[in-house]
PDB file of N, CA and C in Angstrom:
ATOM      1  N   MET A   1     -11.515   7.542   7.380  1.00  0.00           N
ATOM      2  CA  MET A   1     -12.250   6.539   6.656  1.00  0.00           C
ATOM      3  C   MET A   1     -11.699   5.145   6.948  1.00  0.00           C
ATOM      4  N   GLN A   2     -10.456   5.035   7.319  1.00  0.00           N
ATOM      5  CA  GLN A   2      -9.844   3.731   7.538  1.00  0.00           C
ATOM      6  C   GLN A   2     -10.436   2.992   8.727  1.00  0.00           C
ATOM      7  N   HIS A   3     -11.190   3.681   9.578  1.00  0.00           N
ATOM      8  CA  HIS A   3     -11.779   3.042  10.746  1.00  0.00           C
ATOM      9  C   HIS A   3     -13.202   2.576  10.479  1.00  0.00           C
ATOM     10  N   LEU A   4     -13.683   2.783   9.266  1.00  0.00           N
ATOM     11  CA  LEU A   4     -15.020   2.338   8.899  1.00  0.00           C
ATOM     12  C   LEU A   4     -15.005   0.869   8.528  1.00  0.00           C
ATOM     13  N   ASP A   5     -16.152   0.249   8.593  1.00  0.00           N
ATOM     14  CA  ASP A   5     -16.331  -1.116   8.103  1.00  0.00           C
ATOM     15  C   ASP A   5     -15.952  -1.164   6.617  1.00  0.00           C
ATOM     16  N   VAL A   6     -15.475  -2.308   6.160  1.00  0.00           N
ATOM     17  CA  VAL A   6     -15.016  -2.439   4.769  1.00  0.00           C
ATOM     18  C   VAL A   6     -16.122  -2.058   3.792  1.00  0.00           C
ATOM     19  N   ARG A   7     -17.342  -2.496   4.056  1.00  0.00           N
ATOM     20  CA  ARG A   7     -18.451  -2.156   3.148  1.00  0.00           C
ATOM     21  C   ARG A   7     -18.727  -0.655   3.137  1.00  0.00           C
ATOM     22  N   ALA A   8     -18.589  -0.021   4.282  1.00  0.00           N
ATOM     23  CA  ALA A   8     -18.794   1.427   4.354  1.00  0.00           C
ATOM     24  C   ALA A   8     -17.695   2.163   3.593  1.00  0.00           C
ATOM     25  N   GLN A   9     -16.453   1.686   3.700  1.00  0.00           N
ATOM     26  CA  GLN A   9     -15.343   2.292   2.953  1.00  0.00           C
ATOM     27  C   GLN A   9     -15.609   2.199   1.454  1.00  0.00           C
ATOM     28  N   LEU A  10     -16.051   1.036   0.984  1.00  0.00           N
ATOM     29  CA  LEU A  10     -16.348   0.866  -0.437  1.00  0.00           C
ATOM     30  C   LEU A  10     -17.467   1.800  -0.878  1.00  0.00           C
ATOM     31  N   ALA A  11     -18.476   1.969  -0.042  1.00  0.00           N
ATOM     32  CA  ALA A  11     -19.587   2.859  -0.381  1.00  0.00           C
ATOM     33  C   ALA A  11     -19.111   4.305  -0.502  1.00  0.00           C
ATOM     34  N   VAL A  12     -18.253   4.727   0.422  1.00  0.00           N
ATOM     35  CA  VAL A  12     -17.718   6.091   0.377  1.00  0.00           C
ATOM     36  C   VAL A  12     -16.891   6.291  -0.887  1.00  0.00           C
ATOM     37  N   LYS A  13     -16.021   5.347  -1.180  1.00  0.00           N
ATOM     38  CA  LYS A  13     -15.172   5.461  -2.375  1.00  0.00           C
ATOM     39  C   LYS A  13     -16.008   5.457  -3.649  1.00  0.00           C
ATOM     40  N   GLN A  14     -17.049   4.633  -3.679  1.00  0.00           N
ATOM     41  CA  GLN A  14     -17.936   4.583  -4.841  1.00  0.00           C
ATOM     42  C   GLN A  14     -18.611   5.935  -5.042  1.00  0.00           C
ATOM     43  N   ARG A  15     -19.086   6.532  -3.963  1.00  0.00           N
ATOM     44  CA  ARG A  15     -19.762   7.824  -4.054  1.00  0.00           C
ATOM     45  C   ARG A  15     -18.803   8.916  -4.524  1.00  0.00           C
ATOM     46  N   VAL A  16     -17.571   8.899  -4.016  1.00  0.00           N
ATOM     47  CA  VAL A  16     -16.570   9.890  -4.437  1.00  0.00           C
ATOM     48  C   VAL A  16     -16.283   9.733  -5.928  1.00  0.00           C
ATOM     49  N   LEU A  17     -16.153   8.499  -6.391  1.00  0.00           N
ATOM     50  CA  LEU A  17     -15.915   8.255  -7.819  1.00  0.00           C
ATOM     51  C   LEU A  17     -17.065   8.797  -8.657  1.00  0.00           C
ATOM     52  N   GLU A  18     -18.296   8.482  -8.264  1.00  0.00           N
ATOM     53  CA  GLU A  18     -19.460   8.964  -9.009  1.00  0.00           C
ATOM     54  C   GLU A  18     -19.526  10.493  -9.014  1.00  0.00           C
ATOM     55  N   ASP A  19     -19.299  11.100  -7.862  1.00  0.00           N
ATOM     56  CA  ASP A  19     -19.322  12.565  -7.778  1.00  0.00           C
ATOM     57  C   ASP A  19     -18.244  13.195  -8.643  1.00  0.00           C
ATOM     58  N   ASN A  20     -17.034  12.631  -8.620  1.00  0.00           N
ATOM     59  CA  ASN A  20     -15.942  13.177  -9.427  1.00  0.00           C
ATOM     60  C   ASN A  20     -16.221  13.038 -10.918  1.00  0.00           C
ATOM     61  N   LEU A  21     -16.738  11.898 -11.342  1.00  0.00           N
ATOM     62  CA  LEU A  21     -17.072  11.729 -12.757  1.00  0.00           C
ATOM     63  C   LEU A  21     -18.108  12.757 -13.197  1.00  0.00           C
ATOM     64  N   GLN A  22     -19.098  12.960 -12.370  1.00  0.00           N
ATOM     65  CA  GLN A  22     -20.153  13.910 -12.725  1.00  0.00           C
ATOM     66  C   GLN A  22     -19.624  15.340 -12.734  1.00  0.00           C
ATOM     67  N   HIS A  23     -18.832  15.675 -11.745  1.00  0.00           N
ATOM     68  CA  HIS A  23     -18.335  17.048 -11.630  1.00  0.00           C
ATOM     69  C   HIS A  23     -17.301  17.382 -12.703  1.00  0.00           C
ATOM     70  N   LEU A  24     -16.342  16.488 -12.917  1.00  0.00           N
ATOM     71  CA  LEU A  24     -15.233  16.785 -13.830  1.00  0.00           C
ATOM     72  C   LEU A  24     -15.589  16.600 -15.298  1.00  0.00           C
ATOM     73  N   SER A  25     -16.428  15.616 -15.598  1.00  0.00           N
ATOM     74  CA  SER A  25     -16.687  15.332 -17.007  1.00  0.00           C
ATOM     75  C   SER A  25     -18.157  15.443 -17.387  1.00  0.00           C
ATOM     76  N   ARG A  26     -18.976  15.854 -16.435  1.00  0.00           N
ATOM     77  CA  ARG A  26     -20.412  16.001 -16.668  1.00  0.00           C
ATOM     78  C   ARG A  26     -21.046  14.681 -17.110  1.00  0.00           C
ATOM     79  N   LEU A  27     -20.515  13.564 -16.603  1.00  0.00           N
ATOM     80  CA  LEU A  27     -21.043  12.243 -16.930  1.00  0.00           C
ATOM     81  C   LEU A  27     -21.733  11.647 -15.718  1.00  0.00           C
ATOM     82  N   ARG A  28     -22.786  10.918 -15.968  1.00  0.00           N
ATOM     83  CA  ARG A  28     -23.431  10.142 -14.920  1.00  0.00           C
ATOM     84  C   ARG A  28     -23.680   8.756 -15.494  1.00  0.00           C
ATOM     85  N   ALA A  29     -23.174   7.747 -14.828  1.00  0.00           N
ATOM     86  CA  ALA A  29     -23.279   6.379 -15.315  1.00  0.00           C
ATOM     87  C   ALA A  29     -24.730   5.902 -15.262  1.00  0.00           C
ATOM     88  N   GLU A  30     -25.147   5.202 -16.318  1.00  0.00           N
ATOM     89  CA  GLU A  30     -26.475   4.599 -16.320  1.00  0.00           C
ATOM     90  C   GLU A  30     -26.484   3.336 -15.469  1.00  0.00           C
ATOM     91  N   THR A  31     -25.361   2.617 -15.513  1.00  0.00           N
ATOM     92  CA  THR A  31     -25.236   1.372 -14.760  1.00  0.00           C
ATOM     93  C   THR A  31     -23.919   1.395 -14.007  1.00  0.00           C
ATOM     94  N   MET A  32     -23.985   1.065 -12.736  1.00  0.00           N
ATOM     95  CA  MET A  32     -22.761   0.966 -11.934  1.00  0.00           C
ATOM     96  C   MET A  32     -22.591  -0.491 -11.517  1.00  0.00           C
ATOM     97  N   PHE A  33     -21.442  -1.050 -11.812  1.00  0.00           N
ATOM     98  CA  PHE A  33     -21.145  -2.408 -11.401  1.00  0.00           C
ATOM     99  C   PHE A  33     -20.681  -2.426  -9.955  1.00  0.00           C
ATOM    100  N   ARG A  34     -20.789  -3.567  -9.329  1.00  0.00           N
ATOM    101  CA  ARG A  34     -20.314  -3.701  -7.956  1.00  0.00           C
ATOM    102  C   ARG A  34     -18.813  -3.457  -7.919  1.00  0.00           C
ATOM    103  N   PRO A  35     -18.323  -2.823  -6.871  1.00  0.00           N
ATOM    104  CA  PRO A  35     -16.880  -2.565  -6.773  1.00  0.00           C
ATOM    105  C   PRO A  35     -16.090  -3.858  -6.616  1.00  0.00           C
ATOM    106  N   ILE A  36     -14.898  -3.859  -7.180  1.00  0.00           N
ATOM    107  CA  ILE A  36     -13.976  -4.971  -7.004  1.00  0.00           C
ATOM    108  C   ILE A  36     -13.234  -4.723  -5.707  1.00  0.00           C
ATOM    109  N   HIS A  37     -13.143  -5.729  -4.871  1.00  0.00           N
ATOM    110  CA  HIS A  37     -12.424  -5.550  -3.620  1.00  0.00           C
ATOM    111  C   HIS A  37     -11.644  -6.816  -3.303  1.00  0.00           C
ATOM    112  N   GLY A  38     -10.728  -6.669  -2.413  1.00  0.00           N
ATOM    113  CA  GLY A  38      -9.875  -7.786  -2.030  1.00  0.00           C
ATOM    114  C   GLY A  38      -8.426  -7.443  -2.274  1.00  0.00           C
ATOM    115  N   ARG A  39      -7.589  -8.408  -2.094  1.00  0.00           N
ATOM    116  CA  ARG A  39      -6.160  -8.201  -2.269  1.00  0.00           C
ATOM    117  C   ARG A  39      -5.765  -8.673  -3.670  1.00  0.00           C
ATOM    118  N   LEU A  40      -6.063  -7.882  -4.644  1.00  0.00           N
ATOM    119  CA  LEU A  40      -5.810  -8.240  -6.032  1.00  0.00           C
ATOM    120  C   LEU A  40      -4.336  -8.072  -6.370  1.00  0.00           C
ATOM    121  N   GLY A  41      -3.663  -9.144  -6.640  1.00  0.00           N
ATOM    122  CA  GLY A  41      -2.282  -9.084  -7.073  1.00  0.00           C
ATOM    123  C   GLY A  41      -1.290  -8.643  -6.018  1.00  0.00           C
ATOM    124  N   VAL A  42      -1.673  -8.626  -4.785  1.00  0.00           N
ATOM    125  CA  VAL A  42      -0.774  -8.200  -3.713  1.00  0.00           C
ATOM    126  C   VAL A  42      -0.078  -9.432  -3.159  1.00  0.00           C
ATOM    127  N   THR A  43       1.217  -9.383  -3.141  1.00  0.00           N
ATOM    128  CA  THR A  43       2.008 -10.491  -2.615  1.00  0.00           C
ATOM    129  C   THR A  43       2.852 -10.005  -1.444  1.00  0.00           C
ATOM    130  N   THR A  44       2.860 -10.793  -0.400  1.00  0.00           N
ATOM    131  CA  THR A  44       3.679 -10.452   0.755  1.00  0.00           C
ATOM    132  C   THR A  44       5.012 -11.181   0.629  1.00  0.00           C
ATOM    133  N   ILE A  45       6.088 -10.442   0.729  1.00  0.00           N
ATOM    134  CA  ILE A  45       7.424 -11.019   0.612  1.00  0.00           C
ATOM    135  C   ILE A  45       8.098 -10.917   1.974  1.00  0.00           C
ATOM    136  N   ALA A  46       8.533 -12.070   2.480  1.00  0.00           N
ATOM    137  CA  ALA A  46       9.223 -12.075   3.770  1.00  0.00           C
ATOM    138  C   ALA A  46      10.608 -11.487   3.621  1.00  0.00           C
ATOM    139  N   ARG A  47      10.940 -10.607   4.525  1.00  0.00           N
ATOM    140  CA  ARG A  47      12.273 -10.000   4.511  1.00  0.00           C
ATOM    141  C   ARG A  47      13.068 -10.593   5.669  1.00  0.00           C
ATOM    142  N   GLY A  48      14.273 -10.891   5.410  1.00  0.00           N
ATOM    143  CA  GLY A  48      14.984 -11.446   6.534  1.00  0.00           C
ATOM    144  C   GLY A  48      16.400 -11.570   6.273  1.00  0.00           C
TER     145      GLY A  48
END
């Protein structure tokens, strides 16, 4: 999956989440919000 386009990766992950929610808890969301993406809270620290 890491070789897919970023949008394709998000779509795959979204589908897995929806499938898992339905399978494990018998829930299906009425409304799905757009996925959050980006480097949220990730900081690069230089080592040296």
